Amino acid sequence: MNNIVKIALGATLLLSLGTTALSADSGKGQKLFTKKLKSACGISGAAFAGKHTQDEWSEIKEAGKMSSEIKAICPSVKDSALKDKYMGHYYDFAHEYANDSGNVPSC
């Protein structure tokens, strides 16, 4: 019985840590924007995120069109910068610093 409790607690701990590691982050999105998109876009992070409101960015993400919207804003961006694993971070960055958020990124 003691082993079952230990296994259950261990599994709960692993699941809780795994879900936090998989969540996107606006800070990481800002770093990715600076590293992978800024030179290709030729605009600042504030100008990029300010292209839409928070609701518009949410609609774009829900429609699965985040990469096509980035490509529309930055036509010369490389496809390697638009990997699916980056999209959540780009979205969090754009949503956090959208034109109606009142926040200004440092990039």
PDB file of N, CA and C in Angstrom:
ATOM      1  N   MET A   1       0.821  -1.192   0.000  1.00  0.00           N
ATOM      2  CA  MET A   1       0.000   0.000   0.000  1.00  0.00           C
ATOM      3  C   MET A   1       0.864   1.254   0.000  1.00  0.00           C
ATOM      4  N   ASN A   2       1.950   1.232   0.732  1.00  0.00           N
ATOM      5  CA  ASN A   2       2.845   2.377   0.821  1.00  0.00           C
ATOM      6  C   ASN A   2       3.471   2.683  -0.541  1.00  0.00           C
ATOM      7  N   ASN A   3       3.801   1.644  -1.317  1.00  0.00           N
ATOM      8  CA  ASN A   3       4.387   1.840  -2.638  1.00  0.00           C
ATOM      9  C   ASN A   3       3.401   2.506  -3.594  1.00  0.00           C
ATOM     10  N   ILE A   4       2.151   2.157  -3.505  1.00  0.00           N
ATOM     11  CA  ILE A   4       1.126   2.737  -4.375  1.00  0.00           C
ATOM     12  C   ILE A   4       0.991   4.233  -4.099  1.00  0.00           C
ATOM     13  N   VAL A   5       1.025   4.620  -2.846  1.00  0.00           N
ATOM     14  CA  VAL A   5       0.934   6.028  -2.477  1.00  0.00           C
ATOM     15  C   VAL A   5       2.144   6.795  -3.007  1.00  0.00           C
ATOM     16  N   LYS A   6       3.332   6.213  -2.887  1.00  0.00           N
ATOM     17  CA  LYS A   6       4.541   6.857  -3.396  1.00  0.00           C
ATOM     18  C   LYS A   6       4.482   7.025  -4.916  1.00  0.00           C
ATOM     19  N   ILE A   7       4.014   6.015  -5.600  1.00  0.00           N
ATOM     20  CA  ILE A   7       3.908   6.084  -7.062  1.00  0.00           C
ATOM     21  C   ILE A   7       2.892   7.148  -7.469  1.00  0.00           C
ATOM     22  N   ALA A   8       1.772   7.195  -6.791  1.00  0.00           N
ATOM     23  CA  ALA A   8       0.740   8.186  -7.101  1.00  0.00           C
ATOM     24  C   ALA A   8       1.247   9.611  -6.857  1.00  0.00           C
ATOM     25  N   LEU A   9       1.928   9.818  -5.751  1.00  0.00           N
ATOM     26  CA  LEU A   9       2.476  11.147  -5.465  1.00  0.00           C
ATOM     27  C   LEU A   9       3.554  11.531  -6.476  1.00  0.00           C
ATOM     28  N   GLY A  10       4.392  10.581  -6.845  1.00  0.00           N
ATOM     29  CA  GLY A  10       5.427  10.844  -7.839  1.00  0.00           C
ATOM     30  C   GLY A  10       4.837  11.196  -9.197  1.00  0.00           C
ATOM     31  N   ALA A  11       3.800  10.471  -9.598  1.00  0.00           N
ATOM     32  CA  ALA A  11       3.146  10.755 -10.877  1.00  0.00           C
ATOM     33  C   ALA A  11       2.487  12.125 -10.857  1.00  0.00           C
ATOM     34  N   THR A  12       1.861  12.478  -9.749  1.00  0.00           N
ATOM     35  CA  THR A  12       1.237  13.794  -9.626  1.00  0.00           C
ATOM     36  C   THR A  12       2.276  14.897  -9.731  1.00  0.00           C
ATOM     37  N   LEU A  13       3.401  14.717  -9.091  1.00  0.00           N
ATOM     38  CA  LEU A  13       4.475  15.700  -9.144  1.00  0.00           C
ATOM     39  C   LEU A  13       4.998  15.852 -10.570  1.00  0.00           C
ATOM     40  N   LEU A  14       5.239  14.750 -11.252  1.00  0.00           N
ATOM     41  CA  LEU A  14       5.733  14.810 -12.629  1.00  0.00           C
ATOM     42  C   LEU A  14       4.735  15.488 -13.565  1.00  0.00           C
ATOM     43  N   LEU A  15       3.474  15.175 -13.408  1.00  0.00           N
ATOM     44  CA  LEU A  15       2.448  15.802 -14.259  1.00  0.00           C
ATOM     45  C   LEU A  15       2.347  17.298 -14.011  1.00  0.00           C
ATOM     46  N   SER A  16       2.428  17.702 -12.768  1.00  0.00           N
ATOM     47  CA  SER A  16       2.323  19.138 -12.472  1.00  0.00           C
ATOM     48  C   SER A  16       3.536  19.895 -12.996  1.00  0.00           C
ATOM     49  N   LEU A  17       4.709  19.326 -12.930  1.00  0.00           N
ATOM     50  CA  LEU A  17       5.907  19.980 -13.466  1.00  0.00           C
ATOM     51  C   LEU A  17       5.893  19.990 -14.985  1.00  0.00           C
ATOM     52  N   GLY A  18       5.404  18.930 -15.575  1.00  0.00           N
ATOM     53  CA  GLY A  18       5.362  18.842 -17.033  1.00  0.00           C
ATOM     54  C   GLY A  18       4.426  19.853 -17.657  1.00  0.00           C
ATOM     55  N   THR A  19       3.308  20.126 -17.043  1.00  0.00           N
ATOM     56  CA  THR A  19       2.361  21.077 -17.619  1.00  0.00           C
ATOM     57  C   THR A  19       2.879  22.501 -17.542  1.00  0.00           C
ATOM     58  N   THR A  20       3.635  22.842 -16.515  1.00  0.00           N
ATOM     59  CA  THR A  20       4.176  24.196 -16.447  1.00  0.00           C
ATOM     60  C   THR A  20       5.313  24.385 -17.439  1.00  0.00           C
ATOM     61  N   ALA A  21       6.045  23.342 -17.728  1.00  0.00           N
ATOM     62  CA  ALA A  21       7.153  23.456 -18.678  1.00  0.00           C
ATOM     63  C   ALA A  21       6.644  23.589 -20.106  1.00  0.00           C
ATOM     64  N   LEU A  22       5.446  23.110 -20.370  1.00  0.00           N
ATOM     65  CA  LEU A  22       4.906  23.147 -21.723  1.00  0.00           C
ATOM     66  C   LEU A  22       4.175  24.444 -22.044  1.00  0.00           C
ATOM     67  N   SER A  23       3.924  25.264 -21.061  1.00  0.00           N
ATOM     68  CA  SER A  23       3.201  26.498 -21.320  1.00  0.00           C
ATOM     69  C   SER A  23       4.098  27.525 -22.000  1.00  0.00           C
ATOM     70  N   ALA A  24       3.488  28.361 -22.819  1.00  0.00           N
ATOM     71  CA  ALA A  24       4.245  29.389 -23.542  1.00  0.00           C
ATOM     72  C   ALA A  24       4.551  30.561 -22.602  1.00  0.00           C
ATOM     73  N   ASP A  25       5.431  31.444 -23.077  1.00  0.00           N
ATOM     74  CA  ASP A  25       5.906  32.524 -22.222  1.00  0.00           C
ATOM     75  C   ASP A  25       6.170  33.758 -23.079  1.00  0.00           C
ATOM     76  N   SER A  26       5.640  34.905 -22.656  1.00  0.00           N
ATOM     77  CA  SER A  26       5.849  36.138 -23.423  1.00  0.00           C
ATOM     78  C   SER A  26       7.311  36.582 -23.394  1.00  0.00           C
ATOM     79  N   GLY A  27       8.015  36.315 -22.301  1.00  0.00           N
ATOM     80  CA  GLY A  27       9.443  36.656 -22.231  1.00  0.00           C
ATOM     81  C   GLY A  27      10.256  35.849 -23.229  1.00  0.00           C
ATOM     82  N   LYS A  28       9.937  34.563 -23.331  1.00  0.00           N
ATOM     83  CA  LYS A  28      10.619  33.734 -24.317  1.00  0.00           C
ATOM     84  C   LYS A  28      10.218  34.172 -25.726  1.00  0.00           C
ATOM     85  N   GLY A  29       8.958  34.555 -25.897  1.00  0.00           N
ATOM     86  CA  GLY A  29       8.513  35.054 -27.198  1.00  0.00           C
ATOM     87  C   GLY A  29       9.262  36.316 -27.598  1.00  0.00           C
ATOM     88  N   GLN A  30       9.529  37.167 -26.631  1.00  0.00           N
ATOM     89  CA  GLN A  30      10.285  38.395 -26.911  1.00  0.00           C
ATOM     90  C   GLN A  30      11.708  38.052 -27.339  1.00  0.00           C
ATOM     91  N   LYS A  31      12.327  37.097 -26.659  1.00  0.00           N
ATOM     92  CA  LYS A  31      13.683  36.674 -27.035  1.00  0.00           C
ATOM     93  C   LYS A  31      13.688  36.046 -28.420  1.00  0.00           C
ATOM     94  N   LEU A  32      12.685  35.209 -28.698  1.00  0.00           N
ATOM     95  CA  LEU A  32      12.602  34.595 -30.020  1.00  0.00           C
ATOM     96  C   LEU A  32      12.370  35.642 -31.106  1.00  0.00           C
ATOM     97  N   PHE A  33      11.514  36.627 -30.813  1.00  0.00           N
ATOM     98  CA  PHE A  33      11.287  37.691 -31.792  1.00  0.00           C
ATOM     99  C   PHE A  33      12.594  38.410 -32.091  1.00  0.00           C
ATOM    100  N   THR A  34      13.323  38.774 -31.047  1.00  0.00           N
ATOM    101  CA  THR A  34      14.582  39.498 -31.229  1.00  0.00           C
ATOM    102  C   THR A  34      15.583  38.664 -32.028  1.00  0.00           C
ATOM    103  N   LYS A  35      15.658  37.386 -31.733  1.00  0.00           N
ATOM    104  CA  LYS A  35      16.643  36.516 -32.369  1.00  0.00           C
ATOM    105  C   LYS A  35      16.253  36.114 -33.788  1.00  0.00           C
ATOM    106  N   LYS A  36      14.976  35.789 -34.012  1.00  0.00           N
ATOM    107  CA  LYS A  36      14.585  35.171 -35.271  1.00  0.00           C
ATOM    108  C   LYS A  36      13.778  36.060 -36.212  1.00  0.00           C
ATOM    109  N   LEU A  37      13.088  37.068 -35.699  1.00  0.00           N
ATOM    110  CA  LEU A  37      12.197  37.849 -36.555  1.00  0.00           C
ATOM    111  C   LEU A  37      12.595  39.303 -36.748  1.00  0.00           C
ATOM    112  N   LYS A  38      13.230  39.904 -35.762  1.00  0.00           N
ATOM    113  CA  LYS A  38      13.442  41.349 -35.782  1.00  0.00           C
ATOM    114  C   LYS A  38      14.192  41.831 -37.017  1.00  0.00           C
ATOM    115  N   SER A  39      15.286  41.183 -37.369  1.00  0.00           N
ATOM    116  CA  SER A  39      16.051  41.637 -38.534  1.00  0.00           C
ATOM    117  C   SER A  39      15.287  41.384 -39.827  1.00  0.00           C
ATOM    118  N   ALA A  40      14.555  40.282 -39.898  1.00  0.00           N
ATOM    119  CA  ALA A  40      13.774  39.981 -41.100  1.00  0.00           C
ATOM    120  C   ALA A  40      12.581  40.931 -41.239  1.00  0.00           C
ATOM    121  N   CYS A  41      12.010  41.319 -40.124  1.00  0.00           N
ATOM    122  CA  CYS A  41      10.855  42.224 -40.152  1.00  0.00           C
ATOM    123  C   CYS A  41      11.272  43.673 -40.396  1.00  0.00           C
ATOM    124  N   GLY A  42      12.389  44.057 -39.815  1.00  0.00           N
ATOM    125  CA  GLY A  42      12.830  45.433 -39.936  1.00  0.00           C
ATOM    126  C   GLY A  42      12.032  46.401 -39.076  1.00  0.00           C
ATOM    127  N   ILE A  43      11.300  45.870 -38.090  1.00  0.00           N
ATOM    128  CA  ILE A  43      10.527  46.706 -37.170  1.00  0.00           C
ATOM    129  C   ILE A  43      10.806  46.237 -35.741  1.00  0.00           C
ATOM    130  N   SER A  44      10.460  47.083 -34.798  1.00  0.00           N
ATOM    131  CA  SER A  44      10.655  46.728 -33.390  1.00  0.00           C
ATOM    132  C   SER A  44       9.564  45.765 -32.926  1.00  0.00           C
ATOM    133  N   GLY A  45       9.787  45.181 -31.764  1.00  0.00           N
ATOM    134  CA  GLY A  45       8.787  44.294 -31.184  1.00  0.00           C
ATOM    135  C   GLY A  45       7.490  45.016 -30.875  1.00  0.00           C
ATOM    136  N   ALA A  46       7.595  46.271 -30.464  1.00  0.00           N
ATOM    137  CA  ALA A  46       6.393  47.058 -30.166  1.00  0.00           C
ATOM    138  C   ALA A  46       5.574  47.288 -31.437  1.00  0.00           C
ATOM    139  N   ALA A  47       6.256  47.579 -32.530  1.00  0.00           N
ATOM    140  CA  ALA A  47       5.550  47.794 -33.797  1.00  0.00           C
ATOM    141  C   ALA A  47       4.925  46.495 -34.293  1.00  0.00           C
ATOM    142  N   PHE A  48       5.634  45.382 -34.127  1.00  0.00           N
ATOM    143  CA  PHE A  48       5.109  44.079 -34.540  1.00  0.00           C
ATOM    144  C   PHE A  48       3.858  43.726 -33.753  1.00  0.00           C
ATOM    145  N   ALA A  49       3.955  43.740 -32.424  1.00  0.00           N
ATOM    146  CA  ALA A  49       2.823  43.371 -31.574  1.00  0.00           C
ATOM    147  C   ALA A  49       1.681  44.368 -31.706  1.00  0.00           C
ATOM    148  N   GLY A  50       2.009  45.614 -31.993  1.00  0.00           N
ATOM    149  CA  GLY A  50       1.000  46.660 -32.118  1.00  0.00           C
ATOM    150  C   GLY A  50       0.201  46.615 -33.405  1.00  0.00           C
ATOM    151  N   LYS A  51       0.469  45.663 -34.256  1.00  0.00           N
ATOM    152  CA  LYS A  51      -0.297  45.533 -35.500  1.00  0.00           C
ATOM    153  C   LYS A  51      -1.739  45.119 -35.235  1.00  0.00           C
ATOM    154  N   HIS A  52      -1.985  44.508 -34.076  1.00  0.00           N
ATOM    155  CA  HIS A  52      -3.334  44.026 -33.744  1.00  0.00           C
ATOM    156  C   HIS A  52      -3.641  44.279 -32.269  1.00  0.00           C
ATOM    157  N   THR A  53      -4.914  44.196 -31.935  1.00  0.00           N
ATOM    158  CA  THR A  53      -5.346  44.253 -30.541  1.00  0.00           C
ATOM    159  C   THR A  53      -5.199  42.862 -29.928  1.00  0.00           C
ATOM    160  N   GLN A  54      -5.385  42.775 -28.618  1.00  0.00           N
ATOM    161  CA  GLN A  54      -5.297  41.477 -27.953  1.00  0.00           C
ATOM    162  C   GLN A  54      -6.363  40.520 -28.479  1.00  0.00           C
ATOM    163  N   ASP A  55      -7.565  41.014 -28.699  1.00  0.00           N
ATOM    164  CA  ASP A  55      -8.634  40.163 -29.230  1.00  0.00           C
ATOM    165  C   ASP A  55      -8.312  39.669 -30.633  1.00  0.00           C
ATOM    166  N   GLU A  56      -7.737  40.540 -31.452  1.00  0.00           N
ATOM    167  CA  GLU A  56      -7.374  40.137 -32.803  1.00  0.00           C
ATOM    168  C   GLU A  56      -6.282  39.073 -32.781  1.00  0.00           C
ATOM    169  N   TRP A  57      -5.283  39.233 -31.907  1.00  0.00           N
ATOM    170  CA  TRP A  57      -4.247  38.214 -31.800  1.00  0.00           C
ATOM    171  C   TRP A  57      -4.842  36.890 -31.338  1.00  0.00           C
ATOM    172  N   SER A  58      -5.796  36.947 -30.412  1.00  0.00           N
ATOM    173  CA  SER A  58      -6.457  35.724 -29.939  1.00  0.00           C
ATOM    174  C   SER A  58      -7.203  35.028 -31.072  1.00  0.00           C
ATOM    175  N   GLU A  59      -7.918  35.795 -31.879  1.00  0.00           N
ATOM    176  CA  GLU A  59      -8.644  35.225 -33.014  1.00  0.00           C
ATOM    177  C   GLU A  59      -7.688  34.595 -34.023  1.00  0.00           C
ATOM    178  N   ILE A  60      -6.566  35.250 -34.263  1.00  0.00           N
ATOM    179  CA  ILE A  60      -5.569  34.724 -35.200  1.00  0.00           C
ATOM    180  C   ILE A  60      -5.034  33.386 -34.691  1.00  0.00           C
ATOM    181  N   LYS A  61      -4.734  33.317 -33.399  1.00  0.00           N
ATOM    182  CA  LYS A  61      -4.204  32.074 -32.833  1.00  0.00           C
ATOM    183  C   LYS A  61      -5.249  30.971 -32.873  1.00  0.00           C
ATOM    184  N   GLU A  62      -6.482  31.295 -32.484  1.00  0.00           N
ATOM    185  CA  GLU A  62      -7.540  30.290 -32.472  1.00  0.00           C
ATOM    186  C   GLU A  62      -7.827  29.749 -33.867  1.00  0.00           C
ATOM    187  N   ALA A  63      -7.659  30.576 -34.884  1.00  0.00           N
ATOM    188  CA  ALA A  63      -7.874  30.150 -36.263  1.00  0.00           C
ATOM    189  C   ALA A  63      -6.676  29.371 -36.809  1.00  0.00           C
ATOM    190  N   GLY A  64      -5.586  29.308 -36.044  1.00  0.00           N
ATOM    191  CA  GLY A  64      -4.398  28.589 -36.484  1.00  0.00           C
ATOM    192  C   GLY A  64      -3.621  29.315 -37.567  1.00  0.00           C
ATOM    193  N   LYS A  65      -3.729  30.636 -37.581  1.00  0.00           N
ATOM    194  CA  LYS A  65      -3.100  31.425 -38.640  1.00  0.00           C
ATOM    195  C   LYS A  65      -1.945  32.293 -38.131  1.00  0.00           C
ATOM    196  N   MET A  66      -1.359  31.900 -37.023  1.00  0.00           N
ATOM    197  CA  MET A  66      -0.285  32.712 -36.448  1.00  0.00           C
ATOM    198  C   MET A  66       0.904  32.811 -37.397  1.00  0.00           C
ATOM    199  N   SER A  67       1.323  31.700 -37.968  1.00  0.00           N
ATOM    200  CA  SER A  67       2.491  31.741 -38.856  1.00  0.00           C
ATOM    201  C   SER A  67       2.197  32.524 -40.132  1.00  0.00           C
ATOM    202  N   SER A  68       0.992  32.409 -40.666  1.00  0.00           N
ATOM    203  CA  SER A  68       0.670  33.171 -41.879  1.00  0.00           C
ATOM    204  C   SER A  68       0.561  34.664 -41.586  1.00  0.00           C
ATOM    205  N   GLU A  69       0.129  35.030 -40.394  1.00  0.00           N
ATOM    206  CA  GLU A  69       0.062  36.443 -40.024  1.00  0.00           C
ATOM    207  C   GLU A  69       1.463  37.021 -39.840  1.00  0.00           C
ATOM    208  N   ILE A  70       2.340  36.242 -39.226  1.00  0.00           N
ATOM    209  CA  ILE A  70       3.732  36.690 -39.085  1.00  0.00           C
ATOM    210  C   ILE A  70       4.344  36.872 -40.468  1.00  0.00           C
ATOM    211  N   LYS A  71       4.067  35.941 -41.364  1.00  0.00           N
ATOM    212  CA  LYS A  71       4.580  36.026 -42.734  1.00  0.00           C
ATOM    213  C   LYS A  71       4.004  37.250 -43.454  1.00  0.00           C
ATOM    214  N   ALA A  72       2.757  37.614 -43.167  1.00  0.00           N
ATOM    215  CA  ALA A  72       2.144  38.794 -43.784  1.00  0.00           C
ATOM    216  C   ALA A  72       2.787  40.081 -43.265  1.00  0.00           C
ATOM    217  N   ILE A  73       3.107  40.113 -41.975  1.00  0.00           N
ATOM    218  CA  ILE A  73       3.739  41.296 -41.384  1.00  0.00           C
ATOM    219  C   ILE A  73       5.204  41.371 -41.799  1.00  0.00           C
ATOM    220  N   CYS A  74       5.847  40.223 -41.864  1.00  0.00           N
ATOM    221  CA  CYS A  74       7.285  40.142 -42.178  1.00  0.00           C
ATOM    222  C   CYS A  74       7.487  39.188 -43.354  1.00  0.00           C
ATOM    223  N   PRO A  75       7.308  39.652 -44.575  1.00  0.00           N
ATOM    224  CA  PRO A  75       7.373  38.747 -45.732  1.00  0.00           C
ATOM    225  C   PRO A  75       8.737  38.074 -45.932  1.00  0.00           C
ATOM    226  N   SER A  76       9.808  38.664 -45.457  1.00  0.00           N
ATOM    227  CA  SER A  76      11.124  38.079 -45.694  1.00  0.00           C
ATOM    228  C   SER A  76      11.588  37.142 -44.584  1.00  0.00           C
ATOM    229  N   VAL A  77      10.705  36.805 -43.650  1.00  0.00           N
ATOM    230  CA  VAL A  77      11.083  35.904 -42.562  1.00  0.00           C
ATOM    231  C   VAL A  77      11.277  34.491 -43.117  1.00  0.00           C
ATOM    232  N   LYS A  78      12.265  33.783 -42.568  1.00  0.00           N
ATOM    233  CA  LYS A  78      12.559  32.426 -43.005  1.00  0.00           C
ATOM    234  C   LYS A  78      11.590  31.440 -42.370  1.00  0.00           C
ATOM    235  N   ASP A  79      11.286  30.377 -43.093  1.00  0.00           N
ATOM    236  CA  ASP A  79      10.372  29.367 -42.578  1.00  0.00           C
ATOM    237  C   ASP A  79      10.915  28.684 -41.318  1.00  0.00           C
ATOM    238  N   SER A  80      12.229  28.643 -41.160  1.00  0.00           N
ATOM    239  CA  SER A  80      12.820  28.023 -39.971  1.00  0.00           C
ATOM    240  C   SER A  80      12.480  28.795 -38.691  1.00  0.00           C
ATOM    241  N   ALA A  81      12.135  30.060 -38.831  1.00  0.00           N
ATOM    242  CA  ALA A  81      11.742  30.871 -37.672  1.00  0.00           C
ATOM    243  C   ALA A  81      10.268  30.698 -37.332  1.00  0.00           C
ATOM    244  N   LEU A  82       9.534  29.965 -38.163  1.00  0.00           N
ATOM    245  CA  LEU A  82       8.096  29.798 -37.967  1.00  0.00           C
ATOM    246  C   LEU A  82       7.726  28.373 -37.584  1.00  0.00           C
ATOM    247  N   LYS A  83       8.572  27.719 -36.821  1.00  0.00           N
ATOM    248  CA  LYS A  83       8.282  26.363 -36.365  1.00  0.00           C
ATOM    249  C   LYS A  83       7.093  26.387 -35.409  1.00  0.00           C
ATOM    250  N   ASP A  84       6.347  25.290 -35.410  1.00  0.00           N
ATOM    251  CA  ASP A  84       5.170  25.197 -34.542  1.00  0.00           C
ATOM    252  C   ASP A  84       5.518  25.380 -33.070  1.00  0.00           C
ATOM    253  N   LYS A  85       6.695  24.931 -32.665  1.00  0.00           N
ATOM    254  CA  LYS A  85       7.064  25.039 -31.254  1.00  0.00           C
ATOM    255  C   LYS A  85       7.269  26.489 -30.812  1.00  0.00           C
ATOM    256  N   TYR A  86       7.450  27.414 -31.752  1.00  0.00           N
ATOM    257  CA  TYR A  86       7.626  28.831 -31.429  1.00  0.00           C
ATOM    258  C   TYR A  86       6.299  29.599 -31.396  1.00  0.00           C
ATOM    259  N   MET A  87       5.271  29.089 -32.026  1.00  0.00           N
ATOM    260  CA  MET A  87       4.041  29.857 -32.221  1.00  0.00           C
ATOM    261  C   MET A  87       3.382  30.288 -30.920  1.00  0.00           C
ATOM    262  N   GLY A  88       3.362  29.429 -29.920  1.00  0.00           N
ATOM    263  CA  GLY A  88       2.768  29.804 -28.639  1.00  0.00           C
ATOM    264  C   GLY A  88       3.511  30.949 -27.975  1.00  0.00           C
ATOM    265  N   HIS A  89       4.825  30.932 -28.103  1.00  0.00           N
ATOM    266  CA  HIS A  89       5.644  31.997 -27.528  1.00  0.00           C
ATOM    267  C   HIS A  89       5.453  33.313 -28.298  1.00  0.00           C
ATOM    268  N   TYR A  90       5.421  33.221 -29.627  1.00  0.00           N
ATOM    269  CA  TYR A  90       5.162  34.422 -30.434  1.00  0.00           C
ATOM    270  C   TYR A  90       3.796  35.006 -30.088  1.00  0.00           C
ATOM    271  N   TYR A  91       2.803  34.116 -29.950  1.00  0.00           N
ATOM    272  CA  TYR A  91       1.459  34.593 -29.605  1.00  0.00           C
ATOM    273  C   TYR A  91       1.465  35.288 -28.246  1.00  0.00           C
ATOM    274  N   ASP A  92       2.060  34.661 -27.238  1.00  0.00           N
ATOM    275  CA  ASP A  92       2.077  35.271 -25.903  1.00  0.00           C
ATOM    276  C   ASP A  92       2.768  36.631 -25.924  1.00  0.00           C
ATOM    277  N   PHE A  93       3.849  36.741 -26.694  1.00  0.00           N
ATOM    278  CA  PHE A  93       4.544  38.016 -26.832  1.00  0.00           C
ATOM    279  C   PHE A  93       3.636  39.049 -27.496  1.00  0.00           C
ATOM    280  N   ALA A  94       3.036  38.688 -28.622  1.00  0.00           N
ATOM    281  CA  ALA A  94       2.189  39.632 -29.358  1.00  0.00           C
ATOM    282  C   ALA A  94       0.957  40.023 -28.537  1.00  0.00           C
ATOM    283  N   HIS A  95       0.374  39.068 -27.843  1.00  0.00           N
ATOM    284  CA  HIS A  95      -0.814  39.348 -27.032  1.00  0.00           C
ATOM    285  C   HIS A  95      -0.455  40.250 -25.851  1.00  0.00           C
ATOM    286  N   GLU A  96       0.655  39.983 -25.212  1.00  0.00           N
ATOM    287  CA  GLU A  96       1.094  40.771 -24.050  1.00  0.00           C
ATOM    288  C   GLU A  96       1.356  42.225 -24.414  1.00  0.00           C
ATOM    289  N   TYR A  97       1.888  42.462 -25.635  1.00  0.00           N
ATOM    290  CA  TYR A  97       2.277  43.808 -26.035  1.00  0.00           C
ATOM    291  C   TYR A  97       1.431  44.349 -27.190  1.00  0.00           C
ATOM    292  N   ALA A  98       0.211  43.874 -27.327  1.00  0.00           N
ATOM    293  CA  ALA A  98      -0.690  44.343 -28.382  1.00  0.00           C
ATOM    294  C   ALA A  98      -0.976  45.838 -28.210  1.00  0.00           C
ATOM    295  N   ASN A  99      -1.524  46.452 -29.262  1.00  0.00           N
ATOM    296  CA  ASN A  99      -1.701  47.907 -29.235  1.00  0.00           C
ATOM    297  C   ASN A  99      -2.692  48.391 -28.180  1.00  0.00           C
ATOM    298  N   ASP A 100      -3.541  47.521 -27.655  1.00  0.00           N
ATOM    299  CA  ASP A 100      -4.485  47.946 -26.619  1.00  0.00           C
ATOM    300  C   ASP A 100      -4.089  47.470 -25.229  1.00  0.00           C
ATOM    301  N   SER A 101      -2.871  46.930 -25.080  1.00  0.00           N
ATOM    302  CA  SER A 101      -2.471  46.369 -23.778  1.00  0.00           C
ATOM    303  C   SER A 101      -1.870  47.415 -22.840  1.00  0.00           C
ATOM    304  N   GLY A 102      -1.251  48.445 -23.401  1.00  0.00           N
ATOM    305  CA  GLY A 102      -0.576  49.443 -22.578  1.00  0.00           C
ATOM    306  C   GLY A 102       0.826  49.038 -22.184  1.00  0.00           C
ATOM    307  N   ASN A 103       1.268  47.865 -22.605  1.00  0.00           N
ATOM    308  CA  ASN A 103       2.622  47.400 -22.303  1.00  0.00           C
ATOM    309  C   ASN A 103       3.543  47.658 -23.489  1.00  0.00           C
ATOM    310  N   VAL A 104       4.798  47.930 -23.195  1.00  0.00           N
ATOM    311  CA  VAL A 104       5.782  48.198 -24.241  1.00  0.00           C
ATOM    312  C   VAL A 104       6.973  47.266 -24.043  1.00  0.00           C
ATOM    313  N   PRO A 105       7.316  46.441 -25.050  1.00  0.00           N
ATOM    314  CA  PRO A 105       8.455  45.535 -24.900  1.00  0.00           C
ATOM    315  C   PRO A 105       9.787  46.298 -24.988  1.00  0.00           C
ATOM    316  N   SER A 106      10.830  45.651 -24.547  1.00  0.00           N
ATOM    317  CA  SER A 106      12.141  46.284 -24.564  1.00  0.00           C
ATOM    318  C   SER A 106      12.955  45.962 -25.819  1.00  0.00           C
ATOM    319  N   CYS A 107      12.320  45.381 -26.819  1.00  0.00           N
ATOM    320  CA  CYS A 107      13.095  45.036 -28.020  1.00  0.00           C
ATOM    321  C   CYS A 107      12.686  45.879 -29.212  1.00  0.00           C
TER     322      CYS A 107
END
